[in-house]
Amino acid sequence: MGFFKRLKNILRSNLYSKHESLEDIIYNDVSYTADDDNTKEYETSMNNNTQEIHKDMESEYYAILEVEYGSNFEKIKNGYRRLLRKYHPDLYQNKPEKQHIAMKLTEKINEAYSYFENKFK
């Protein structure tokens, strides 16, 4: 996959995310009142929405690292290393525009890897 095509896919996934923030989900999906029944409903809905966000975020991280969803840590680590070898900013020292793009890509790659590193260890 070409450098710019990869960048386009990452940026597109960021632009078309389902939810802007947790607050948007909470306030748009459920109206909160002080009744006990509604409070339980609100908490249940909030837990379900949080789980959906977590799953969406995790699937996005798998996509960023270009590994299958549900891969083990070894495959994630290999994907991380492969992508860093390919998109490391030091490889583009003579091309400032590409170096800037590579820095953004490596930030995303590092974020995804640190998520899985914390999850599996």
PDB file of N, CA and C in Angstrom:
ATOM      1  N   MET A   1       0.859  -1.163   0.000  1.00  0.00           N
ATOM      2  CA  MET A   1       0.000   0.000   0.000  1.00  0.00           C
ATOM      3  C   MET A   1       0.905   1.226   0.000  1.00  0.00           C
ATOM      4  N   GLY A   2       0.605   2.187  -0.868  1.00  0.00           N
ATOM      5  CA  GLY A   2       1.416   3.366  -0.982  1.00  0.00           C
ATOM      6  C   GLY A   2       1.320   4.272   0.233  1.00  0.00           C
ATOM      7  N   PHE A   3       2.316   5.107   0.370  1.00  0.00           N
ATOM      8  CA  PHE A   3       2.403   6.006   1.517  1.00  0.00           C
ATOM      9  C   PHE A   3       1.187   6.914   1.625  1.00  0.00           C
ATOM     10  N   PHE A   4       0.828   7.566   0.542  1.00  0.00           N
ATOM     11  CA  PHE A   4      -0.290   8.502   0.575  1.00  0.00           C
ATOM     12  C   PHE A   4      -1.635   7.792   0.685  1.00  0.00           C
ATOM     13  N   LYS A   5      -1.734   6.616   0.107  1.00  0.00           N
ATOM     14  CA  LYS A   5      -2.978   5.848   0.237  1.00  0.00           C
ATOM     15  C   LYS A   5      -3.190   5.440   1.691  1.00  0.00           C
ATOM     16  N   ARG A   6      -2.121   5.017   2.361  1.00  0.00           N
ATOM     17  CA  ARG A   6      -2.192   4.662   3.777  1.00  0.00           C
ATOM     18  C   ARG A   6      -2.607   5.870   4.615  1.00  0.00           C
ATOM     19  N   LEU A   7      -2.012   7.019   4.324  1.00  0.00           N
ATOM     20  CA  LEU A   7      -2.353   8.239   5.044  1.00  0.00           C
ATOM     21  C   LEU A   7      -3.816   8.600   4.824  1.00  0.00           C
ATOM     22  N   LYS A   8      -4.278   8.481   3.589  1.00  0.00           N
ATOM     23  CA  LYS A   8      -5.668   8.790   3.279  1.00  0.00           C
ATOM     24  C   LYS A   8      -6.622   7.906   4.065  1.00  0.00           C
ATOM     25  N   ASN A   9      -6.306   6.615   4.178  1.00  0.00           N
ATOM     26  CA  ASN A   9      -7.156   5.701   4.935  1.00  0.00           C
ATOM     27  C   ASN A   9      -7.190   6.046   6.412  1.00  0.00           C
ATOM     28  N   ILE A  10      -6.065   6.410   6.979  1.00  0.00           N
ATOM     29  CA  ILE A  10      -6.029   6.782   8.393  1.00  0.00           C
ATOM     30  C   ILE A  10      -6.814   8.057   8.638  1.00  0.00           C
ATOM     31  N   LEU A  11      -6.615   9.042   7.791  1.00  0.00           N
ATOM     32  CA  LEU A  11      -7.343  10.295   7.959  1.00  0.00           C
ATOM     33  C   LEU A  11      -8.840  10.100   7.758  1.00  0.00           C
ATOM     34  N   ARG A  12      -9.214   9.272   6.802  1.00  0.00           N
ATOM     35  CA  ARG A  12     -10.625   8.997   6.561  1.00  0.00           C
ATOM     36  C   ARG A  12     -11.262   8.325   7.775  1.00  0.00           C
ATOM     37  N   SER A  13     -10.546   7.401   8.414  1.00  0.00           N
ATOM     38  CA  SER A  13     -11.104   6.732   9.595  1.00  0.00           C
ATOM     39  C   SER A  13     -11.288   7.723  10.729  1.00  0.00           C
ATOM     40  N   ASN A  14     -10.419   8.729  10.809  1.00  0.00           N
ATOM     41  CA  ASN A  14     -10.576   9.748  11.852  1.00  0.00           C
ATOM     42  C   ASN A  14     -11.731  10.688  11.551  1.00  0.00           C
ATOM     43  N   LEU A  15     -11.935  11.014  10.286  1.00  0.00           N
ATOM     44  CA  LEU A  15     -13.000  11.944   9.922  1.00  0.00           C
ATOM     45  C   LEU A  15     -14.383  11.338  10.044  1.00  0.00           C
ATOM     46  N   TYR A  16     -14.482  10.055   9.771  1.00  0.00           N
ATOM     47  CA  TYR A  16     -15.788   9.419   9.753  1.00  0.00           C
ATOM     48  C   TYR A  16     -16.037   8.549  10.971  1.00  0.00           C
ATOM     49  N   SER A  17     -15.465   8.928  12.097  1.00  0.00           N
ATOM     50  CA  SER A  17     -15.726   8.147  13.305  1.00  0.00           C
ATOM     51  C   SER A  17     -17.187   8.319  13.691  1.00  0.00           C
ATOM     52  N   LYS A  18     -17.740   7.309  14.354  1.00  0.00           N
ATOM     53  CA  LYS A  18     -19.166   7.317  14.667  1.00  0.00           C
ATOM     54  C   LYS A  18     -19.550   8.405  15.655  1.00  0.00           C
ATOM     55  N   HIS A  19     -18.725   8.643  16.649  1.00  0.00           N
ATOM     56  CA  HIS A  19     -19.074   9.564  17.709  1.00  0.00           C
ATOM     57  C   HIS A  19     -17.931  10.543  17.922  1.00  0.00           C
ATOM     58  N   GLU A  20     -18.309  11.779  18.239  1.00  0.00           N
ATOM     59  CA  GLU A  20     -17.283  12.770  18.481  1.00  0.00           C
ATOM     60  C   GLU A  20     -16.710  12.649  19.883  1.00  0.00           C
ATOM     61  N   SER A  21     -17.552  12.402  20.854  1.00  0.00           N
ATOM     62  CA  SER A  21     -17.062  12.248  22.218  1.00  0.00           C
ATOM     63  C   SER A  21     -18.057  11.439  23.023  1.00  0.00           C
ATOM     64  N   LEU A  22     -17.629  11.031  24.188  1.00  0.00           N
ATOM     65  CA  LEU A  22     -18.496  10.262  25.069  1.00  0.00           C
ATOM     66  C   LEU A  22     -19.692  11.095  25.498  1.00  0.00           C
ATOM     67  N   GLU A  23     -19.495  12.385  25.714  1.00  0.00           N
ATOM     68  CA  GLU A  23     -20.598  13.263  26.121  1.00  0.00           C
ATOM     69  C   GLU A  23     -21.679  13.322  25.048  1.00  0.00           C
ATOM     70  N   ASP A  24     -21.305  13.352  23.782  1.00  0.00           N
ATOM     71  CA  ASP A  24     -22.292  13.370  22.699  1.00  0.00           C
ATOM     72  C   ASP A  24     -23.158  12.124  22.740  1.00  0.00           C
ATOM     73  N   ILE A  25     -22.543  10.989  22.996  1.00  0.00           N
ATOM     74  CA  ILE A  25     -23.290   9.737  23.044  1.00  0.00           C
ATOM     75  C   ILE A  25     -24.262   9.756  24.210  1.00  0.00           C
ATOM     76  N   ILE A  26     -23.772  10.149  25.367  1.00  0.00           N
ATOM     77  CA  ILE A  26     -24.597  10.136  26.563  1.00  0.00           C
ATOM     78  C   ILE A  26     -25.785  11.075  26.417  1.00  0.00           C
ATOM     79  N   TYR A  27     -25.554  12.291  26.000  1.00  0.00           N
ATOM     80  CA  TYR A  27     -26.628  13.278  25.961  1.00  0.00           C
ATOM     81  C   TYR A  27     -27.547  13.129  24.755  1.00  0.00           C
ATOM     82  N   ASN A  28     -27.074  12.569  23.687  1.00  0.00           N
ATOM     83  CA  ASN A  28     -27.927  12.401  22.516  1.00  0.00           C
ATOM     84  C   ASN A  28     -28.749  11.118  22.555  1.00  0.00           C
ATOM     85  N   ASP A  29     -28.221  10.063  23.154  1.00  0.00           N
ATOM     86  CA  ASP A  29     -28.911   8.782  23.138  1.00  0.00           C
ATOM     87  C   ASP A  29     -29.912   8.611  24.272  1.00  0.00           C
ATOM     88  N   VAL A  30     -29.639   9.205  25.415  1.00  0.00           N
ATOM     89  CA  VAL A  30     -30.480   8.958  26.588  1.00  0.00           C
ATOM     90  C   VAL A  30     -30.770  10.270  27.289  1.00  0.00           C
ATOM     91  N   SER A  31     -32.029  10.471  27.636  1.00  0.00           N
ATOM     92  CA  SER A  31     -32.342  11.646  28.441  1.00  0.00           C
ATOM     93  C   SER A  31     -32.341  11.230  29.900  1.00  0.00           C
ATOM     94  N   TYR A  32     -31.757  12.037  30.736  1.00  0.00           N
ATOM     95  CA  TYR A  32     -31.576  11.704  32.144  1.00  0.00           C
ATOM     96  C   TYR A  32     -32.633  12.394  32.995  1.00  0.00           C
ATOM     97  N   THR A  33     -33.290  11.617  33.844  1.00  0.00           N
ATOM     98  CA  THR A  33     -34.189  12.184  34.843  1.00  0.00           C
ATOM     99  C   THR A  33     -33.846  11.567  36.181  1.00  0.00           C
ATOM    100  N   ALA A  34     -34.426  12.086  37.254  1.00  0.00           N
ATOM    101  CA  ALA A  34     -34.052  11.654  38.597  1.00  0.00           C
ATOM    102  C   ALA A  34     -34.763  10.382  39.049  1.00  0.00           C
ATOM    103  N   ASP A  35     -35.686   9.839  38.265  1.00  0.00           N
ATOM    104  CA  ASP A  35     -36.378   8.614  38.666  1.00  0.00           C
ATOM    105  C   ASP A  35     -35.406   7.449  38.741  1.00  0.00           C
ATOM    106  N   ASP A  36     -35.671   6.522  39.663  1.00  0.00           N
ATOM    107  CA  ASP A  36     -34.794   5.362  39.829  1.00  0.00           C
ATOM    108  C   ASP A  36     -34.785   4.477  38.588  1.00  0.00           C
ATOM    109  N   ASP A  37     -35.955   4.255  37.990  1.00  0.00           N
ATOM    110  CA  ASP A  37     -36.024   3.411  36.795  1.00  0.00           C
ATOM    111  C   ASP A  37     -35.229   4.032  35.655  1.00  0.00           C
ATOM    112  N   ASN A  38     -35.389   5.325  35.454  1.00  0.00           N
ATOM    113  CA  ASN A  38     -34.669   6.004  34.381  1.00  0.00           C
ATOM    114  C   ASN A  38     -33.172   6.047  34.658  1.00  0.00           C
ATOM    115  N   THR A  39     -32.801   6.136  35.928  1.00  0.00           N
ATOM    116  CA  THR A  39     -31.387   6.151  36.272  1.00  0.00           C
ATOM    117  C   THR A  39     -30.746   4.819  35.908  1.00  0.00           C
ATOM    118  N   LYS A  40     -31.431   3.734  36.199  1.00  0.00           N
ATOM    119  CA  LYS A  40     -30.899   2.413  35.829  1.00  0.00           C
ATOM    120  C   LYS A  40     -30.797   2.287  34.316  1.00  0.00           C
ATOM    121  N   GLU A  41     -31.820   2.792  33.615  1.00  0.00           N
ATOM    122  CA  GLU A  41     -31.811   2.764  32.152  1.00  0.00           C
ATOM    123  C   GLU A  41     -30.626   3.558  31.622  1.00  0.00           C
ATOM    124  N   TYR A  42     -30.415   4.731  32.196  1.00  0.00           N
ATOM    125  CA  TYR A  42     -29.323   5.616  31.796  1.00  0.00           C
ATOM    126  C   TYR A  42     -27.973   4.930  32.001  1.00  0.00           C
ATOM    127  N   GLU A  43     -27.782   4.307  33.172  1.00  0.00           N
ATOM    128  CA  GLU A  43     -26.516   3.649  33.462  1.00  0.00           C
ATOM    129  C   GLU A  43     -26.279   2.473  32.526  1.00  0.00           C
ATOM    130  N   THR A  44     -27.327   1.697  32.242  1.00  0.00           N
ATOM    131  CA  THR A  44     -27.201   0.568  31.326  1.00  0.00           C
ATOM    132  C   THR A  44     -26.835   1.049  29.934  1.00  0.00           C
ATOM    133  N   SER A  45     -27.515   2.093  29.476  1.00  0.00           N
ATOM    134  CA  SER A  45     -27.234   2.638  28.147  1.00  0.00           C
ATOM    135  C   SER A  45     -25.823   3.199  28.083  1.00  0.00           C
ATOM    136  N   MET A  46     -25.405   3.849  29.151  1.00  0.00           N
ATOM    137  CA  MET A  46     -24.060   4.422  29.176  1.00  0.00           C
ATOM    138  C   MET A  46     -23.009   3.316  29.123  1.00  0.00           C
ATOM    139  N   ASN A  47     -23.217   2.227  29.845  1.00  0.00           N
ATOM    140  CA  ASN A  47     -22.272   1.103  29.816  1.00  0.00           C
ATOM    141  C   ASN A  47     -22.216   0.477  28.431  1.00  0.00           C
ATOM    142  N   ASN A  48     -23.376   0.293  27.783  1.00  0.00           N
ATOM    143  CA  ASN A  48     -23.406  -0.277  26.433  1.00  0.00           C
ATOM    144  C   ASN A  48     -22.680   0.619  25.450  1.00  0.00           C
ATOM    145  N   ASN A  49     -22.899   1.930  25.540  1.00  0.00           N
ATOM    146  CA  ASN A  49     -22.246   2.870  24.630  1.00  0.00           C
ATOM    147  C   ASN A  49     -20.744   2.895  24.856  1.00  0.00           C
ATOM    148  N   THR A  50     -20.319   2.816  26.098  1.00  0.00           N
ATOM    149  CA  THR A  50     -18.893   2.799  26.398  1.00  0.00           C
ATOM    150  C   THR A  50     -18.251   1.553  25.817  1.00  0.00           C
ATOM    151  N   GLN A  51     -18.936   0.416  25.900  1.00  0.00           N
ATOM    152  CA  GLN A  51     -18.405  -0.818  25.331  1.00  0.00           C
ATOM    153  C   GLN A  51     -18.308  -0.715  23.812  1.00  0.00           C
ATOM    154  N   GLU A  52     -19.306  -0.073  23.180  1.00  0.00           N
ATOM    155  CA  GLU A  52     -19.264   0.103  21.723  1.00  0.00           C
ATOM    156  C   GLU A  52     -18.087   0.976  21.326  1.00  0.00           C
ATOM    157  N   ILE A  53     -17.855   2.052  22.066  1.00  0.00           N
ATOM    158  CA  ILE A  53     -16.740   2.942  21.764  1.00  0.00           C
ATOM    159  C   ILE A  53     -15.428   2.181  21.908  1.00  0.00           C
ATOM    160  N   HIS A  54     -15.321   1.407  22.969  1.00  0.00           N
ATOM    161  CA  HIS A  54     -14.111   0.632  23.220  1.00  0.00           C
ATOM    162  C   HIS A  54     -13.856  -0.342  22.073  1.00  0.00           C
ATOM    163  N   LYS A  55     -14.900  -1.006  21.612  1.00  0.00           N
ATOM    164  CA  LYS A  55     -14.763  -1.969  20.511  1.00  0.00           C
ATOM    165  C   LYS A  55     -14.401  -1.250  19.215  1.00  0.00           C
ATOM    166  N   ASP A  56     -15.037  -0.098  18.943  1.00  0.00           N
ATOM    167  CA  ASP A  56     -14.708   0.669  17.742  1.00  0.00           C
ATOM    168  C   ASP A  56     -13.266   1.155  17.775  1.00  0.00           C
ATOM    169  N   MET A  57     -12.842   1.631  18.948  1.00  0.00           N
ATOM    170  CA  MET A  57     -11.483   2.124  19.092  1.00  0.00           C
ATOM    171  C   MET A  57     -10.492   0.985  18.874  1.00  0.00           C
ATOM    172  N   GLU A  58     -10.794  -0.169  19.457  1.00  0.00           N
ATOM    173  CA  GLU A  58      -9.903  -1.314  19.323  1.00  0.00           C
ATOM    174  C   GLU A  58      -9.818  -1.777  17.872  1.00  0.00           C
ATOM    175  N   SER A  59     -10.946  -1.816  17.180  1.00  0.00           N
ATOM    176  CA  SER A  59     -10.915  -2.241  15.776  1.00  0.00           C
ATOM    177  C   SER A  59     -10.157  -1.228  14.919  1.00  0.00           C
ATOM    178  N   GLU A  60     -10.246   0.052  15.284  1.00  0.00           N
ATOM    179  CA  GLU A  60      -9.485   1.067  14.562  1.00  0.00           C
ATOM    180  C   GLU A  60      -7.986   0.871  14.792  1.00  0.00           C
ATOM    181  N   TYR A  61      -7.609   0.517  16.021  1.00  0.00           N
ATOM    182  CA  TYR A  61      -6.197   0.278  16.317  1.00  0.00           C
ATOM    183  C   TYR A  61      -5.673  -0.939  15.562  1.00  0.00           C
ATOM    184  N   TYR A  62      -6.477  -1.983  15.446  1.00  0.00           N
ATOM    185  CA  TYR A  62      -6.068  -3.137  14.645  1.00  0.00           C
ATOM    186  C   TYR A  62      -5.849  -2.706  13.189  1.00  0.00           C
ATOM    187  N   ALA A  63      -6.744  -1.857  12.678  1.00  0.00           N
ATOM    188  CA  ALA A  63      -6.628  -1.392  11.294  1.00  0.00           C
ATOM    189  C   ALA A  63      -5.383  -0.526  11.104  1.00  0.00           C
ATOM    190  N   ILE A  64      -5.094   0.324  12.072  1.00  0.00           N
ATOM    191  CA  ILE A  64      -3.910   1.179  11.968  1.00  0.00           C
ATOM    192  C   ILE A  64      -2.650   0.323  11.884  1.00  0.00           C
ATOM    193  N   LEU A  65      -2.599  -0.732  12.682  1.00  0.00           N
ATOM    194  CA  LEU A  65      -1.423  -1.608  12.686  1.00  0.00           C
ATOM    195  C   LEU A  65      -1.447  -2.639  11.557  1.00  0.00           C
ATOM    196  N   GLU A  66      -2.517  -2.629  10.770  1.00  0.00           N
ATOM    197  CA  GLU A  66      -2.676  -3.512   9.615  1.00  0.00           C
ATOM    198  C   GLU A  66      -2.543  -4.988   9.992  1.00  0.00           C
ATOM    199  N   VAL A  67      -3.230  -5.368  11.065  1.00  0.00           N
ATOM    200  CA  VAL A  67      -3.301  -6.770  11.481  1.00  0.00           C
ATOM    201  C   VAL A  67      -4.770  -7.142  11.612  1.00  0.00           C
ATOM    202  N   GLU A  68      -5.053  -8.441  11.592  1.00  0.00           N
ATOM    203  CA  GLU A  68      -6.427  -8.909  11.702  1.00  0.00           C
ATOM    204  C   GLU A  68      -6.998  -8.594  13.078  1.00  0.00           C
ATOM    205  N   TYR A  69      -8.301  -8.352  13.109  1.00  0.00           N
ATOM    206  CA  TYR A  69      -8.974  -8.106  14.371  1.00  0.00           C
ATOM    207  C   TYR A  69      -8.861  -9.351  15.254  1.00  0.00           C
ATOM    208  N   GLY A  70      -8.443  -9.169  16.487  1.00  0.00           N
ATOM    209  CA  GLY A  70      -8.305 -10.281  17.411  1.00  0.00           C
ATOM    210  C   GLY A  70      -6.949 -10.970  17.355  1.00  0.00           C
ATOM    211  N   SER A  71      -5.994 -10.373  16.663  1.00  0.00           N
ATOM    212  CA  SER A  71      -4.660 -10.975  16.567  1.00  0.00           C
ATOM    213  C   SER A  71      -3.986 -11.000  17.935  1.00  0.00           C
ATOM    214  N   ASN A  72      -3.048 -11.929  18.086  1.00  0.00           N
ATOM    215  CA  ASN A  72      -2.310 -12.003  19.344  1.00  0.00           C
ATOM    216  C   ASN A  72      -1.237 -10.915  19.389  1.00  0.00           C
ATOM    217  N   PHE A  73      -0.600 -10.781  20.554  1.00  0.00           N
ATOM    218  CA  PHE A  73       0.351  -9.689  20.749  1.00  0.00           C
ATOM    219  C   PHE A  73       1.575  -9.815  19.847  1.00  0.00           C
ATOM    220  N   GLU A  74       2.000 -11.026  19.541  1.00  0.00           N
ATOM    221  CA  GLU A  74       3.157 -11.209  18.657  1.00  0.00           C
ATOM    222  C   GLU A  74       2.890 -10.629  17.261  1.00  0.00           C
ATOM    223  N   LYS A  75       1.702 -10.897  16.711  1.00  0.00           N
ATOM    224  CA  LYS A  75       1.356 -10.359  15.388  1.00  0.00           C
ATOM    225  C   LYS A  75       1.249  -8.840  15.440  1.00  0.00           C
ATOM    226  N   ILE A  76       0.704  -8.330  16.536  1.00  0.00           N
ATOM    227  CA  ILE A  76       0.593  -6.878  16.702  1.00  0.00           C
ATOM    228  C   ILE A  76       1.981  -6.257  16.761  1.00  0.00           C
ATOM    229  N   LYS A  77       2.878  -6.884  17.502  1.00  0.00           N
ATOM    230  CA  LYS A  77       4.247  -6.387  17.632  1.00  0.00           C
ATOM    231  C   LYS A  77       4.956  -6.405  16.278  1.00  0.00           C
ATOM    232  N   ASN A  78       4.772  -7.482  15.515  1.00  0.00           N
ATOM    233  CA  ASN A  78       5.391  -7.576  14.189  1.00  0.00           C
ATOM    234  C   ASN A  78       4.842  -6.505  13.251  1.00  0.00           C
ATOM    235  N   GLY A  79       3.516  -6.282  13.301  1.00  0.00           N
ATOM    236  CA  GLY A  79       2.912  -5.241  12.474  1.00  0.00           C
ATOM    237  C   GLY A  79       3.427  -3.868  12.852  1.00  0.00           C
ATOM    238  N   TYR A  80       3.572  -3.627  14.133  1.00  0.00           N
ATOM    239  CA  TYR A  80       4.097  -2.353  14.628  1.00  0.00           C
ATOM    240  C   TYR A  80       5.513  -2.110  14.103  1.00  0.00           C
ATOM    241  N   ARG A  81       6.360  -3.093  14.243  1.00  0.00           N
ATOM    242  CA  ARG A  81       7.745  -2.943  13.792  1.00  0.00           C
ATOM    243  C   ARG A  81       7.846  -2.760  12.282  1.00  0.00           C
ATOM    244  N   ARG A  82       7.021  -3.515  11.565  1.00  0.00           N
ATOM    245  CA  ARG A  82       7.025  -3.411  10.091  1.00  0.00           C
ATOM    246  C   ARG A  82       6.622  -2.009   9.650  1.00  0.00           C
ATOM    247  N   LEU A  83       5.580  -1.465  10.280  1.00  0.00           N
ATOM    248  CA  LEU A  83       5.111  -0.134   9.904  1.00  0.00           C
ATOM    249  C   LEU A  83       6.101   0.961  10.300  1.00  0.00           C
ATOM    250  N   LEU A  84       6.752   0.796  11.440  1.00  0.00           N
ATOM    251  CA  LEU A  84       7.761   1.791  11.826  1.00  0.00           C
ATOM    252  C   LEU A  84       8.952   1.774  10.884  1.00  0.00           C
ATOM    253  N   ARG A  85       9.345   0.600  10.429  1.00  0.00           N
ATOM    254  CA  ARG A  85      10.434   0.534   9.449  1.00  0.00           C
ATOM    255  C   ARG A  85      10.032   1.229   8.150  1.00  0.00           C
ATOM    256  N   LYS A  86       8.769   1.159   7.829  1.00  0.00           N
ATOM    257  CA  LYS A  86       8.277   1.713   6.566  1.00  0.00           C
ATOM    258  C   LYS A  86       8.023   3.222   6.649  1.00  0.00           C
ATOM    259  N   TYR A  87       7.479   3.701   7.780  1.00  0.00           N
ATOM    260  CA  TYR A  87       7.031   5.091   7.869  1.00  0.00           C
ATOM    261  C   TYR A  87       7.792   5.937   8.882  1.00  0.00           C
ATOM    262  N   HIS A  88       8.949   5.492   9.330  1.00  0.00           N
ATOM    263  CA  HIS A  88       9.675   6.272  10.329  1.00  0.00           C
ATOM    264  C   HIS A  88      10.086   7.626   9.735  1.00  0.00           C
ATOM    265  N   PRO A  89       9.892   8.719  10.485  1.00  0.00           N
ATOM    266  CA  PRO A  89      10.193  10.058   9.959  1.00  0.00           C
ATOM    267  C   PRO A  89      11.652  10.260   9.550  1.00  0.00           C
ATOM    268  N   ASP A  90      12.576   9.552  10.158  1.00  0.00           N
ATOM    269  CA  ASP A  90      13.985   9.712   9.795  1.00  0.00           C
ATOM    270  C   ASP A  90      14.280   9.267   8.362  1.00  0.00           C
ATOM    271  N   LEU A  91      13.413   8.451   7.801  1.00  0.00           N
ATOM    272  CA  LEU A  91      13.612   8.013   6.418  1.00  0.00           C
ATOM    273  C   LEU A  91      13.338   9.130   5.414  1.00  0.00           C
ATOM    274  N   TYR A  92      12.645  10.175   5.848  1.00  0.00           N
ATOM    275  CA  TYR A  92      12.226  11.251   4.956  1.00  0.00           C
ATOM    276  C   TYR A  92      12.849  12.585   5.363  1.00  0.00           C
ATOM    277  N   GLN A  93      14.105  12.582   5.778  1.00  0.00           N
ATOM    278  CA  GLN A  93      14.754  13.807   6.246  1.00  0.00           C
ATOM    279  C   GLN A  93      14.892  14.851   5.154  1.00  0.00           C
ATOM    280  N   ASN A  94      15.060  14.433   3.926  1.00  0.00           N
ATOM    281  CA  ASN A  94      15.247  15.376   2.822  1.00  0.00           C
ATOM    282  C   ASN A  94      13.931  15.883   2.250  1.00  0.00           C
ATOM    283  N   LYS A  95      12.810  15.327   2.708  1.00  0.00           N
ATOM    284  CA  LYS A  95      11.495  15.715   2.199  1.00  0.00           C
ATOM    285  C   LYS A  95      10.621  16.131   3.384  1.00  0.00           C
ATOM    286  N   PRO A  96      10.627  17.428   3.729  1.00  0.00           N
ATOM    287  CA  PRO A  96       9.930  17.897   4.935  1.00  0.00           C
ATOM    288  C   PRO A  96       8.430  17.589   4.943  1.00  0.00           C
ATOM    289  N   GLU A  97       7.777  17.671   3.804  1.00  0.00           N
ATOM    290  CA  GLU A  97       6.341  17.407   3.749  1.00  0.00           C
ATOM    291  C   GLU A  97       6.046  15.944   4.099  1.00  0.00           C
ATOM    292  N   LYS A  98       6.801  15.046   3.493  1.00  0.00           N
ATOM    293  CA  LYS A  98       6.618  13.625   3.789  1.00  0.00           C
ATOM    294  C   LYS A  98       7.041  13.304   5.218  1.00  0.00           C
ATOM    295  N   GLN A  99       8.056  13.993   5.714  1.00  0.00           N
ATOM    296  CA  GLN A  99       8.495  13.757   7.078  1.00  0.00           C
ATOM    297  C   GLN A  99       7.394  14.151   8.073  1.00  0.00           C
ATOM    298  N   HIS A 100       6.725  15.258   7.806  1.00  0.00           N
ATOM    299  CA  HIS A 100       5.624  15.695   8.672  1.00  0.00           C
ATOM    300  C   HIS A 100       4.484  14.672   8.663  1.00  0.00           C
ATOM    301  N   ILE A 101       4.153  14.167   7.494  1.00  0.00           N
ATOM    302  CA  ILE A 101       3.109  13.147   7.376  1.00  0.00           C
ATOM    303  C   ILE A 101       3.547  11.874   8.097  1.00  0.00           C
ATOM    304  N   ALA A 102       4.792  11.493   7.931  1.00  0.00           N
ATOM    305  CA  ALA A 102       5.309  10.288   8.591  1.00  0.00           C
ATOM    306  C   ALA A 102       5.279  10.440  10.109  1.00  0.00           C
ATOM    307  N   MET A 103       5.518  11.651  10.615  1.00  0.00           N
ATOM    308  CA  MET A 103       5.448  11.871  12.059  1.00  0.00           C
ATOM    309  C   MET A 103       4.033  11.651  12.568  1.00  0.00           C
ATOM    310  N   LYS A 104       3.043  12.147  11.819  1.00  0.00           N
ATOM    311  CA  LYS A 104       1.658  11.936  12.218  1.00  0.00           C
ATOM    312  C   LYS A 104       1.294  10.458  12.184  1.00  0.00           C
ATOM    313  N   LEU A 105       1.748   9.763  11.160  1.00  0.00           N
ATOM    314  CA  LEU A 105       1.480   8.327  11.061  1.00  0.00           C
ATOM    315  C   LEU A 105       2.118   7.560  12.214  1.00  0.00           C
ATOM    316  N   THR A 106       3.363   7.875  12.524  1.00  0.00           N
ATOM    317  CA  THR A 106       4.022   7.155  13.612  1.00  0.00           C
ATOM    318  C   THR A 106       3.386   7.471  14.960  1.00  0.00           C
ATOM    319  N   GLU A 107       2.833   8.654  15.131  1.00  0.00           N
ATOM    320  CA  GLU A 107       2.098   8.957  16.367  1.00  0.00           C
ATOM    321  C   GLU A 107       0.900   8.026  16.506  1.00  0.00           C
ATOM    322  N   LYS A 108       0.151   7.866  15.421  1.00  0.00           N
ATOM    323  CA  LYS A 108      -1.007   6.968  15.433  1.00  0.00           C
ATOM    324  C   LYS A 108      -0.575   5.521  15.670  1.00  0.00           C
ATOM    325  N   ILE A 109       0.477   5.110  15.016  1.00  0.00           N
ATOM    326  CA  ILE A 109       0.975   3.745  15.165  1.00  0.00           C
ATOM    327  C   ILE A 109       1.422   3.502  16.605  1.00  0.00           C
ATOM    328  N   ASN A 110       2.141   4.468  17.181  1.00  0.00           N
ATOM    329  CA  ASN A 110       2.589   4.335  18.568  1.00  0.00           C
ATOM    330  C   ASN A 110       1.421   4.316  19.544  1.00  0.00           C
ATOM    331  N   GLU A 111       0.406   5.122  19.277  1.00  0.00           N
ATOM    332  CA  GLU A 111      -0.784   5.135  20.132  1.00  0.00           C
ATOM    333  C   GLU A 111      -1.472   3.768  20.120  1.00  0.00           C
ATOM    334  N   ALA A 112      -1.625   3.216  18.933  1.00  0.00           N
ATOM    335  CA  ALA A 112      -2.272   1.909  18.810  1.00  0.00           C
ATOM    336  C   ALA A 112      -1.450   0.829  19.507  1.00  0.00           C
ATOM    337  N   TYR A 113      -0.150   0.856  19.297  1.00  0.00           N
ATOM    338  CA  TYR A 113       0.702  -0.161  19.918  1.00  0.00           C
ATOM    339  C   TYR A 113       0.691  -0.039  21.440  1.00  0.00           C
ATOM    340  N   SER A 114       0.738   1.170  21.962  1.00  0.00           N
ATOM    341  CA  SER A 114       0.737   1.333  23.421  1.00  0.00           C
ATOM    342  C   SER A 114      -0.581   0.857  24.016  1.00  0.00           C
ATOM    343  N   TYR A 115      -1.691   1.029  23.276  1.00  0.00           N
ATOM    344  CA  TYR A 115      -2.976   0.507  23.748  1.00  0.00           C
ATOM    345  C   TYR A 115      -2.901  -1.012  23.910  1.00  0.00           C
ATOM    346  N   PHE A 116      -2.399  -1.697  22.885  1.00  0.00           N
ATOM    347  CA  PHE A 116      -2.318  -3.154  22.949  1.00  0.00           C
ATOM    348  C   PHE A 116      -1.272  -3.611  23.957  1.00  0.00           C
ATOM    349  N   GLU A 117      -0.202  -2.864  24.089  1.00  0.00           N
ATOM    350  CA  GLU A 117       0.823  -3.222  25.058  1.00  0.00           C
ATOM    351  C   GLU A 117       0.241  -3.186  26.470  1.00  0.00           C
ATOM    352  N   ASN A 118      -0.559  -2.177  26.768  1.00  0.00           N
ATOM    353  CA  ASN A 118      -1.214  -2.094  28.077  1.00  0.00           C
ATOM    354  C   ASN A 118      -2.282  -3.178  28.240  1.00  0.00           C
ATOM    355  N   LYS A 119      -2.965  -3.491  27.166  1.00  0.00           N
ATOM    356  CA  LYS A 119      -4.028  -4.483  27.231  1.00  0.00           C
ATOM    357  C   LYS A 119      -3.485  -5.889  27.488  1.00  0.00           C
ATOM    358  N   PHE A 120      -2.412  -6.245  26.800  1.00  0.00           N
ATOM    359  CA  PHE A 120      -1.899  -7.608  26.879  1.00  0.00           C
ATOM    360  C   PHE A 120      -0.881  -7.821  27.997  1.00  0.00           C
ATOM    361  N   LYS A 121      -0.408  -6.758  28.607  1.00  0.00           N
ATOM    362  CA  LYS A 121       0.602  -6.947  29.668  1.00  0.00           C
ATOM    363  C   LYS A 121       0.120  -6.426  30.979  1.00  0.00           C
TER     364      LYS A 121
END
